Amino acid sequence: MTKIVYKTRGTCSQFIELEGENGRIAKVTFYGGCDGNLQGISKLVAGMRYEDVIEKLNGISCNGKPTSCPDQLCRAVEQLMQEER
């Protein structure tokens, strides 16, 4: 199991704690941000392949910002993939 804490940039959430194993998301916890929405995203991506999460959530913006919590999750997943290699 690989675990990282990712410092988000440009979002209301401050950090994403991410756990993964064998190319799949095990657990996601957002700190800060829209609690209900982020809990939902965390449950939806649990068990998904890293590449599928990135494919679905990459590039989503929020309120005119160039990023969002889902987009930052993609950055965290990319970091997790690097750590797992």
PDB file of N, CA and C in Angstrom:
ATOM      1  N   MET A   1       0.849  -1.173   0.000  1.00  0.00           N
ATOM      2  CA  MET A   1       0.000   0.000   0.000  1.00  0.00           C
ATOM      3  C   MET A   1       0.893   1.235   0.000  1.00  0.00           C
ATOM      4  N   THR A   2       0.609   2.158  -0.896  1.00  0.00           N
ATOM      5  CA  THR A   2       1.329   3.425  -0.964  1.00  0.00           C
ATOM      6  C   THR A   2       0.394   4.526  -0.487  1.00  0.00           C
ATOM      7  N   LYS A   3       0.927   5.421   0.334  1.00  0.00           N
ATOM      8  CA  LYS A   3       0.118   6.510   0.881  1.00  0.00           C
ATOM      9  C   LYS A   3       0.860   7.820   0.694  1.00  0.00           C
ATOM     10  N   ILE A   4       0.134   8.858   0.230  1.00  0.00           N
ATOM     11  CA  ILE A   4       0.720  10.191   0.098  1.00  0.00           C
ATOM     12  C   ILE A   4      -0.231  11.218   0.688  1.00  0.00           C
ATOM     13  N   VAL A   5       0.319  12.369   1.012  1.00  0.00           N
ATOM     14  CA  VAL A   5      -0.472  13.541   1.356  1.00  0.00           C
ATOM     15  C   VAL A   5      -0.081  14.605   0.336  1.00  0.00           C
ATOM     16  N   TYR A   6      -1.068  15.044  -0.435  1.00  0.00           N
ATOM     17  CA  TYR A   6      -0.837  15.996  -1.525  1.00  0.00           C
ATOM     18  C   TYR A   6      -1.348  17.370  -1.114  1.00  0.00           C
ATOM     19  N   LYS A   7      -0.516  18.391  -1.227  1.00  0.00           N
ATOM     20  CA  LYS A   7      -0.897  19.779  -0.940  1.00  0.00           C
ATOM     21  C   LYS A   7      -1.553  20.348  -2.185  1.00  0.00           C
ATOM     22  N   THR A   8      -2.841  20.658  -2.085  1.00  0.00           N
ATOM     23  CA  THR A   8      -3.573  21.166  -3.249  1.00  0.00           C
ATOM     24  C   THR A   8      -3.172  22.604  -3.551  1.00  0.00           C
ATOM     25  N   ARG A   9      -3.471  23.025  -4.776  1.00  0.00           N
ATOM     26  CA  ARG A   9      -3.171  24.387  -5.233  1.00  0.00           C
ATOM     27  C   ARG A   9      -4.412  24.953  -5.912  1.00  0.00           C
ATOM     28  N   GLY A  10      -4.857  26.123  -5.475  1.00  0.00           N
ATOM     29  CA  GLY A  10      -5.947  26.819  -6.148  1.00  0.00           C
ATOM     30  C   GLY A  10      -7.343  26.312  -5.832  1.00  0.00           C
ATOM     31  N   THR A  11      -7.507  25.572  -4.737  1.00  0.00           N
ATOM     32  CA  THR A  11      -8.819  25.042  -4.368  1.00  0.00           C
ATOM     33  C   THR A  11      -9.120  25.334  -2.902  1.00  0.00           C
ATOM     34  N   CYS A  12     -10.375  25.133  -2.536  1.00  0.00           N
ATOM     35  CA  CYS A  12     -10.780  25.312  -1.134  1.00  0.00           C
ATOM     36  C   CYS A  12     -10.199  24.211  -0.250  1.00  0.00           C
ATOM     37  N   SER A  13     -10.095  23.007  -0.785  1.00  0.00           N
ATOM     38  CA  SER A  13      -9.473  21.938   0.007  1.00  0.00           C
ATOM     39  C   SER A  13      -7.982  22.244   0.148  1.00  0.00           C
ATOM     40  N   GLN A  14      -7.419  21.850   1.263  1.00  0.00           N
ATOM     41  CA  GLN A  14      -6.017  22.152   1.558  1.00  0.00           C
ATOM     42  C   GLN A  14      -5.082  20.990   1.238  1.00  0.00           C
ATOM     43  N   PHE A  15      -5.546  19.778   1.525  1.00  0.00           N
ATOM     44  CA  PHE A  15      -4.733  18.575   1.334  1.00  0.00           C
ATOM     45  C   PHE A  15      -5.620  17.438   0.860  1.00  0.00           C
ATOM     46  N   ILE A  16      -4.999  16.468   0.179  1.00  0.00           N
ATOM     47  CA  ILE A  16      -5.664  15.218  -0.176  1.00  0.00           C
ATOM     48  C   ILE A  16      -4.775  14.092   0.341  1.00  0.00           C
ATOM     49  N   GLU A  17      -5.337  13.240   1.172  1.00  0.00           N
ATOM     50  CA  GLU A  17      -4.637  12.036   1.626  1.00  0.00           C
ATOM     51  C   GLU A  17      -5.113  10.909   0.720  1.00  0.00           C
ATOM     52  N   LEU A  18      -4.178  10.224   0.099  1.00  0.00           N
ATOM     53  CA  LEU A  18      -4.504   9.249  -0.934  1.00  0.00           C
ATOM     54  C   LEU A  18      -3.751   7.955  -0.681  1.00  0.00           C
ATOM     55  N   GLU A  19      -4.477   6.857  -0.737  1.00  0.00           N
ATOM     56  CA  GLU A  19      -3.876   5.536  -0.594  1.00  0.00           C
ATOM     57  C   GLU A  19      -4.223   4.713  -1.828  1.00  0.00           C
ATOM     58  N   GLY A  20      -3.227   3.976  -2.316  1.00  0.00           N
ATOM     59  CA  GLY A  20      -3.459   3.130  -3.474  1.00  0.00           C
ATOM     60  C   GLY A  20      -2.583   1.903  -3.442  1.00  0.00           C
ATOM     61  N   GLU A  21      -2.995   0.932  -4.245  1.00  0.00           N
ATOM     62  CA  GLU A  21      -2.243  -0.319  -4.317  1.00  0.00           C
ATOM     63  C   GLU A  21      -2.532  -0.993  -5.644  1.00  0.00           C
ATOM     64  N   ASN A  22      -1.486  -1.491  -6.281  1.00  0.00           N
ATOM     65  CA  ASN A  22      -1.616  -2.227  -7.535  1.00  0.00           C
ATOM     66  C   ASN A  22      -2.408  -1.457  -8.589  1.00  0.00           C
ATOM     67  N   GLY A  23      -2.154  -0.146  -8.662  1.00  0.00           N
ATOM     68  CA  GLY A  23      -2.783   0.650  -9.709  1.00  0.00           C
ATOM     69  C   GLY A  23      -4.220   1.044  -9.448  1.00  0.00           C
ATOM     70  N   ARG A  24      -4.702   0.858  -8.220  1.00  0.00           N
ATOM     71  CA  ARG A  24      -6.093   1.192  -7.875  1.00  0.00           C
ATOM     72  C   ARG A  24      -6.149   2.061  -6.624  1.00  0.00           C
ATOM     73  N   ILE A  25      -7.133   2.956  -6.606  1.00  0.00           N
ATOM     74  CA  ILE A  25      -7.361   3.821  -5.450  1.00  0.00           C
ATOM     75  C   ILE A  25      -7.949   2.986  -4.323  1.00  0.00           C
ATOM     76  N   ALA A  26      -7.351   3.075  -3.146  1.00  0.00           N
ATOM     77  CA  ALA A  26      -7.884   2.377  -1.966  1.00  0.00           C
ATOM     78  C   ALA A  26      -8.726   3.328  -1.119  1.00  0.00           C
ATOM     79  N   LYS A  27      -8.199   4.549  -0.904  1.00  0.00           N
ATOM     80  CA  LYS A  27      -8.906   5.496  -0.035  1.00  0.00           C
ATOM     81  C   LYS A  27      -8.487   6.917  -0.380  1.00  0.00           C
ATOM     82  N   VAL A  28      -9.459   7.835  -0.342  1.00  0.00           N
ATOM     83  CA  VAL A  28      -9.199   9.254  -0.566  1.00  0.00           C
ATOM     84  C   VAL A  28      -9.848  10.034   0.563  1.00  0.00           C
ATOM     85  N   THR A  29      -9.100  10.974   1.146  1.00  0.00           N
ATOM     86  CA  THR A  29      -9.649  11.875   2.150  1.00  0.00           C
ATOM     87  C   THR A  29      -9.227  13.295   1.799  1.00  0.00           C
ATOM     88  N   PHE A  30     -10.215  14.173   1.621  1.00  0.00           N
ATOM     89  CA  PHE A  30      -9.956  15.587   1.375  1.00  0.00           C
ATOM     90  C   PHE A  30     -10.018  16.324   2.709  1.00  0.00           C
ATOM     91  N   TYR A  31      -9.160  17.317   2.889  1.00  0.00           N
ATOM     92  CA  TYR A  31      -9.183  18.173   4.070  1.00  0.00           C
ATOM     93  C   TYR A  31      -9.529  19.579   3.616  1.00  0.00           C
ATOM     94  N   GLY A  32     -10.678  20.074   4.078  1.00  0.00           N
ATOM     95  CA  GLY A  32     -11.191  21.360   3.625  1.00  0.00           C
ATOM     96  C   GLY A  32     -12.068  21.155   2.404  1.00  0.00           C
ATOM     97  N   GLY A  33     -12.666  22.225   1.934  1.00  0.00           N
ATOM     98  CA  GLY A  33     -13.504  22.146   0.748  1.00  0.00           C
ATOM     99  C   GLY A  33     -14.948  21.798   1.067  1.00  0.00           C
ATOM    100  N   CYS A  34     -15.700  21.468   0.054  1.00  0.00           N
ATOM    101  CA  CYS A  34     -17.133  21.160   0.160  1.00  0.00           C
ATOM    102  C   CYS A  34     -17.297  19.714   0.627  1.00  0.00           C
ATOM    103  N   ASP A  35     -17.516  19.548   1.900  1.00  0.00           N
ATOM    104  CA  ASP A  35     -17.452  18.238   2.538  1.00  0.00           C
ATOM    105  C   ASP A  35     -18.315  17.177   1.858  1.00  0.00           C
ATOM    106  N   GLY A  36     -19.581  17.459   1.630  1.00  0.00           N
ATOM    107  CA  GLY A  36     -20.468  16.448   1.047  1.00  0.00           C
ATOM    108  C   GLY A  36     -20.026  16.028  -0.344  1.00  0.00           C
ATOM    109  N   ASN A  37     -19.706  17.006  -1.191  1.00  0.00           N
ATOM    110  CA  ASN A  37     -19.261  16.689  -2.550  1.00  0.00           C
ATOM    111  C   ASN A  37     -17.967  15.882  -2.543  1.00  0.00           C
ATOM    112  N   LEU A  38     -17.048  16.263  -1.675  1.00  0.00           N
ATOM    113  CA  LEU A  38     -15.758  15.577  -1.652  1.00  0.00           C
ATOM    114  C   LEU A  38     -15.853  14.184  -1.055  1.00  0.00           C
ATOM    115  N   GLN A  39     -16.765  13.992  -0.109  1.00  0.00           N
ATOM    116  CA  GLN A  39     -17.010  12.633   0.380  1.00  0.00           C
ATOM    117  C   GLN A  39     -17.569  11.766  -0.744  1.00  0.00           C
ATOM    118  N   GLY A  40     -18.463  12.338  -1.538  1.00  0.00           N
ATOM    119  CA  GLY A  40     -19.037  11.597  -2.661  1.00  0.00           C
ATOM    120  C   GLY A  40     -17.987  11.216  -3.687  1.00  0.00           C
ATOM    121  N   ILE A  41     -17.134  12.169  -4.053  1.00  0.00           N
ATOM    122  CA  ILE A  41     -16.059  11.881  -5.001  1.00  0.00           C
ATOM    123  C   ILE A  41     -15.150  10.791  -4.450  1.00  0.00           C
ATOM    124  N   SER A  42     -14.826  10.886  -3.175  1.00  0.00           N
ATOM    125  CA  SER A  42     -13.934   9.896  -2.554  1.00  0.00           C
ATOM    126  C   SER A  42     -14.510   8.491  -2.643  1.00  0.00           C
ATOM    127  N   LYS A  43     -15.800   8.355  -2.393  1.00  0.00           N
ATOM    128  CA  LYS A  43     -16.435   7.039  -2.463  1.00  0.00           C
ATOM    129  C   LYS A  43     -16.544   6.545  -3.905  1.00  0.00           C
ATOM    130  N   LEU A  44     -16.813   7.463  -4.825  1.00  0.00           N
ATOM    131  CA  LEU A  44     -16.955   7.062  -6.225  1.00  0.00           C
ATOM    132  C   LEU A  44     -15.650   6.547  -6.828  1.00  0.00           C
ATOM    133  N   VAL A  45     -14.528   7.142  -6.450  1.00  0.00           N
ATOM    134  CA  VAL A  45     -13.256   6.726  -7.059  1.00  0.00           C
ATOM    135  C   VAL A  45     -12.607   5.541  -6.345  1.00  0.00           C
ATOM    136  N   ALA A  46     -13.079   5.193  -5.156  1.00  0.00           N
ATOM    137  CA  ALA A  46     -12.508   4.046  -4.428  1.00  0.00           C
ATOM    138  C   ALA A  46     -12.619   2.787  -5.283  1.00  0.00           C
ATOM    139  N   GLY A  47     -11.511   2.109  -5.466  1.00  0.00           N
ATOM    140  CA  GLY A  47     -11.467   0.891  -6.261  1.00  0.00           C
ATOM    141  C   GLY A  47     -11.174   1.113  -7.732  1.00  0.00           C
ATOM    142  N   MET A  48     -11.215   2.369  -8.177  1.00  0.00           N
ATOM    143  CA  MET A  48     -10.958   2.670  -9.592  1.00  0.00           C
ATOM    144  C   MET A  48      -9.474   2.607  -9.919  1.00  0.00           C
ATOM    145  N   ARG A  49      -9.190   2.291 -11.167  1.00  0.00           N
ATOM    146  CA  ARG A  49      -7.815   2.335 -11.667  1.00  0.00           C
ATOM    147  C   ARG A  49      -7.363   3.787 -11.740  1.00  0.00           C
ATOM    148  N   TYR A  50      -6.100   4.033 -11.473  1.00  0.00           N
ATOM    149  CA  TYR A  50      -5.547   5.381 -11.504  1.00  0.00           C
ATOM    150  C   TYR A  50      -5.847   6.081 -12.831  1.00  0.00           C
ATOM    151  N   GLU A  51      -5.603   5.382 -13.919  1.00  0.00           N
ATOM    152  CA  GLU A  51      -5.784   5.978 -15.243  1.00  0.00           C
ATOM    153  C   GLU A  51      -7.240   6.375 -15.486  1.00  0.00           C
ATOM    154  N   ASP A  52      -8.179   5.602 -14.962  1.00  0.00           N
ATOM    155  CA  ASP A  52      -9.596   5.912 -15.149  1.00  0.00           C
ATOM    156  C   ASP A  52      -9.995   7.167 -14.379  1.00  0.00           C
ATOM    157  N   VAL A  53      -9.450   7.336 -13.178  1.00  0.00           N
ATOM    158  CA  VAL A  53      -9.726   8.540 -12.395  1.00  0.00           C
ATOM    159  C   VAL A  53      -9.223   9.765 -13.153  1.00  0.00           C
ATOM    160  N   ILE A  54      -8.005   9.694 -13.654  1.00  0.00           N
ATOM    161  CA  ILE A  54      -7.419  10.817 -14.393  1.00  0.00           C
ATOM    162  C   ILE A  54      -8.228  11.103 -15.652  1.00  0.00           C
ATOM    163  N   GLU A  55      -8.616  10.077 -16.379  1.00  0.00           N
ATOM    164  CA  GLU A  55      -9.386  10.256 -17.612  1.00  0.00           C
ATOM    165  C   GLU A  55     -10.715  10.971 -17.346  1.00  0.00           C
ATOM    166  N   LYS A  56     -11.390  10.637 -16.270  1.00  0.00           N
ATOM    167  CA  LYS A  56     -12.707  11.196 -15.977  1.00  0.00           C
ATOM    168  C   LYS A  56     -12.669  12.580 -15.329  1.00  0.00           C
ATOM    169  N   LEU A  57     -11.662  12.869 -14.513  1.00  0.00           N
ATOM    170  CA  LEU A  57     -11.687  14.082 -13.697  1.00  0.00           C
ATOM    171  C   LEU A  57     -10.686  15.161 -14.107  1.00  0.00           C
ATOM    172  N   ASN A  58      -9.746  14.829 -14.965  1.00  0.00           N
ATOM    173  CA  ASN A  58      -8.714  15.779 -15.368  1.00  0.00           C
ATOM    174  C   ASN A  58      -9.319  16.992 -16.077  1.00  0.00           C
ATOM    175  N   GLY A  59      -8.895  18.177 -15.660  1.00  0.00           N
ATOM    176  CA  GLY A  59      -9.278  19.395 -16.351  1.00  0.00           C
ATOM    177  C   GLY A  59     -10.575  20.037 -15.895  1.00  0.00           C
ATOM    178  N   ILE A  60     -11.250  19.468 -14.910  1.00  0.00           N
ATOM    179  CA  ILE A  60     -12.481  20.076 -14.406  1.00  0.00           C
ATOM    180  C   ILE A  60     -12.113  21.376 -13.693  1.00  0.00           C
ATOM    181  N   SER A  61     -12.884  22.434 -13.974  1.00  0.00           N
ATOM    182  CA  SER A  61     -12.638  23.720 -13.320  1.00  0.00           C
ATOM    183  C   SER A  61     -13.749  24.003 -12.320  1.00  0.00           C
ATOM    184  N   CYS A  62     -13.534  24.999 -11.470  1.00  0.00           N
ATOM    185  CA  CYS A  62     -14.504  25.346 -10.425  1.00  0.00           C
ATOM    186  C   CYS A  62     -14.645  26.867 -10.350  1.00  0.00           C
ATOM    187  N   ASN A  63     -15.850  27.356 -10.561  1.00  0.00           N
ATOM    188  CA  ASN A  63     -16.133  28.794 -10.434  1.00  0.00           C
ATOM    189  C   ASN A  63     -15.149  29.669 -11.201  1.00  0.00           C
ATOM    190  N   GLY A  64     -14.813  29.275 -12.411  1.00  0.00           N
ATOM    191  CA  GLY A  64     -13.915  30.059 -13.243  1.00  0.00           C
ATOM    192  C   GLY A  64     -12.440  29.885 -12.939  1.00  0.00           C
ATOM    193  N   LYS A  65     -12.106  29.100 -11.938  1.00  0.00           N
ATOM    194  CA  LYS A  65     -10.697  28.825 -11.636  1.00  0.00           C
ATOM    195  C   LYS A  65     -10.179  27.792 -12.625  1.00  0.00           C
ATOM    196  N   PRO A  66      -8.885  27.777 -12.866  1.00  0.00           N
ATOM    197  CA  PRO A  66      -8.340  26.810 -13.827  1.00  0.00           C
ATOM    198  C   PRO A  66      -8.240  25.386 -13.284  1.00  0.00           C
ATOM    199  N   THR A  67      -8.625  25.169 -12.037  1.00  0.00           N
ATOM    200  CA  THR A  67      -8.546  23.849 -11.427  1.00  0.00           C
ATOM    201  C   THR A  67      -9.746  23.648 -10.510  1.00  0.00           C
ATOM    202  N   SER A  68      -9.816  22.481  -9.886  1.00  0.00           N
ATOM    203  CA  SER A  68     -10.896  22.129  -8.966  1.00  0.00           C
ATOM    204  C   SER A  68     -10.380  21.023  -8.057  1.00  0.00           C
ATOM    205  N   CYS A  69     -11.180  20.650  -7.073  1.00  0.00           N
ATOM    206  CA  CYS A  69     -10.777  19.531  -6.216  1.00  0.00           C
ATOM    207  C   CYS A  69     -10.642  18.224  -7.017  1.00  0.00           C
ATOM    208  N   PRO A  70     -11.580  17.915  -7.933  1.00  0.00           N
ATOM    209  CA  PRO A  70     -11.387  16.710  -8.746  1.00  0.00           C
ATOM    210  C   PRO A  70     -10.119  16.778  -9.606  1.00  0.00           C
ATOM    211  N   ASP A  71      -9.832  17.950 -10.170  1.00  0.00           N
ATOM    212  CA  ASP A  71      -8.621  18.122 -10.972  1.00  0.00           C
ATOM    213  C   ASP A  71      -7.376  17.954 -10.103  1.00  0.00           C
ATOM    214  N   GLN A  72      -7.406  18.491  -8.893  1.00  0.00           N
ATOM    215  CA  GLN A  72      -6.277  18.332  -7.979  1.00  0.00           C
ATOM    216  C   GLN A  72      -6.117  16.875  -7.553  1.00  0.00           C
ATOM    217  N   LEU A  73      -7.221  16.152  -7.455  1.00  0.00           N
ATOM    218  CA  LEU A  73      -7.139  14.720  -7.179  1.00  0.00           C
ATOM    219  C   LEU A  73      -6.341  14.022  -8.279  1.00  0.00           C
ATOM    220  N   CYS A  74      -6.520  14.441  -9.506  1.00  0.00           N
ATOM    221  CA  CYS A  74      -5.739  13.864 -10.610  1.00  0.00           C
ATOM    222  C   CYS A  74      -4.247  14.107 -10.409  1.00  0.00           C
ATOM    223  N   ARG A  75      -3.883  15.310  -9.974  1.00  0.00           N
ATOM    224  CA  ARG A  75      -2.469  15.599  -9.705  1.00  0.00           C
ATOM    225  C   ARG A  75      -1.946  14.693  -8.579  1.00  0.00           C
ATOM    226  N   ALA A  76      -2.785  14.481  -7.572  1.00  0.00           N
ATOM    227  CA  ALA A  76      -2.387  13.598  -6.467  1.00  0.00           C
ATOM    228  C   ALA A  76      -2.215  12.166  -6.957  1.00  0.00           C
ATOM    229  N   VAL A  77      -3.116  11.709  -7.812  1.00  0.00           N
ATOM    230  CA  VAL A  77      -3.021  10.350  -8.361  1.00  0.00           C
ATOM    231  C   VAL A  77      -1.747  10.222  -9.187  1.00  0.00           C
ATOM    232  N   GLU A  78      -1.417  11.225  -9.967  1.00  0.00           N
ATOM    233  CA  GLU A  78      -0.175  11.187 -10.746  1.00  0.00           C
ATOM    234  C   GLU A  78       1.041  11.061  -9.820  1.00  0.00           C
ATOM    235  N   GLN A  79       1.020  11.788  -8.715  1.00  0.00           N
ATOM    236  CA  GLN A  79       2.124  11.679  -7.748  1.00  0.00           C
ATOM    237  C   GLN A  79       2.158  10.284  -7.137  1.00  0.00           C
ATOM    238  N   LEU A  80       0.990   9.755  -6.799  1.00  0.00           N
ATOM    239  CA  LEU A  80       0.914   8.396  -6.229  1.00  0.00           C
ATOM    240  C   LEU A  80       1.479   7.375  -7.213  1.00  0.00           C
ATOM    241  N   MET A  81       1.162   7.542  -8.491  1.00  0.00           N
ATOM    242  CA  MET A  81       1.680   6.620  -9.513  1.00  0.00           C
ATOM    243  C   MET A  81       3.205   6.663  -9.536  1.00  0.00           C
ATOM    244  N   GLN A  82       3.783   7.850  -9.420  1.00  0.00           N
ATOM    245  CA  GLN A  82       5.241   8.002  -9.410  1.00  0.00           C
ATOM    246  C   GLN A  82       5.844   7.303  -8.183  1.00  0.00           C
ATOM    247  N   GLU A  83       5.184   7.479  -7.046  1.00  0.00           N
ATOM    248  CA  GLU A  83       5.689   6.869  -5.808  1.00  0.00           C
ATOM    249  C   GLU A  83       5.626   5.349  -5.882  1.00  0.00           C
ATOM    250  N   GLU A  84       4.592   4.835  -6.537  1.00  0.00           N
ATOM    251  CA  GLU A  84       4.402   3.392  -6.605  1.00  0.00           C
ATOM    252  C   GLU A  84       5.400   2.703  -7.525  1.00  0.00           C
ATOM    253  N   ARG A  85       5.967   3.462  -8.455  1.00  0.00           N
ATOM    254  CA  ARG A  85       6.912   2.865  -9.423  1.00  0.00           C
ATOM    255  C   ARG A  85       8.198   2.537  -8.804  1.00  0.00           C
TER     256      ARG A  85
END
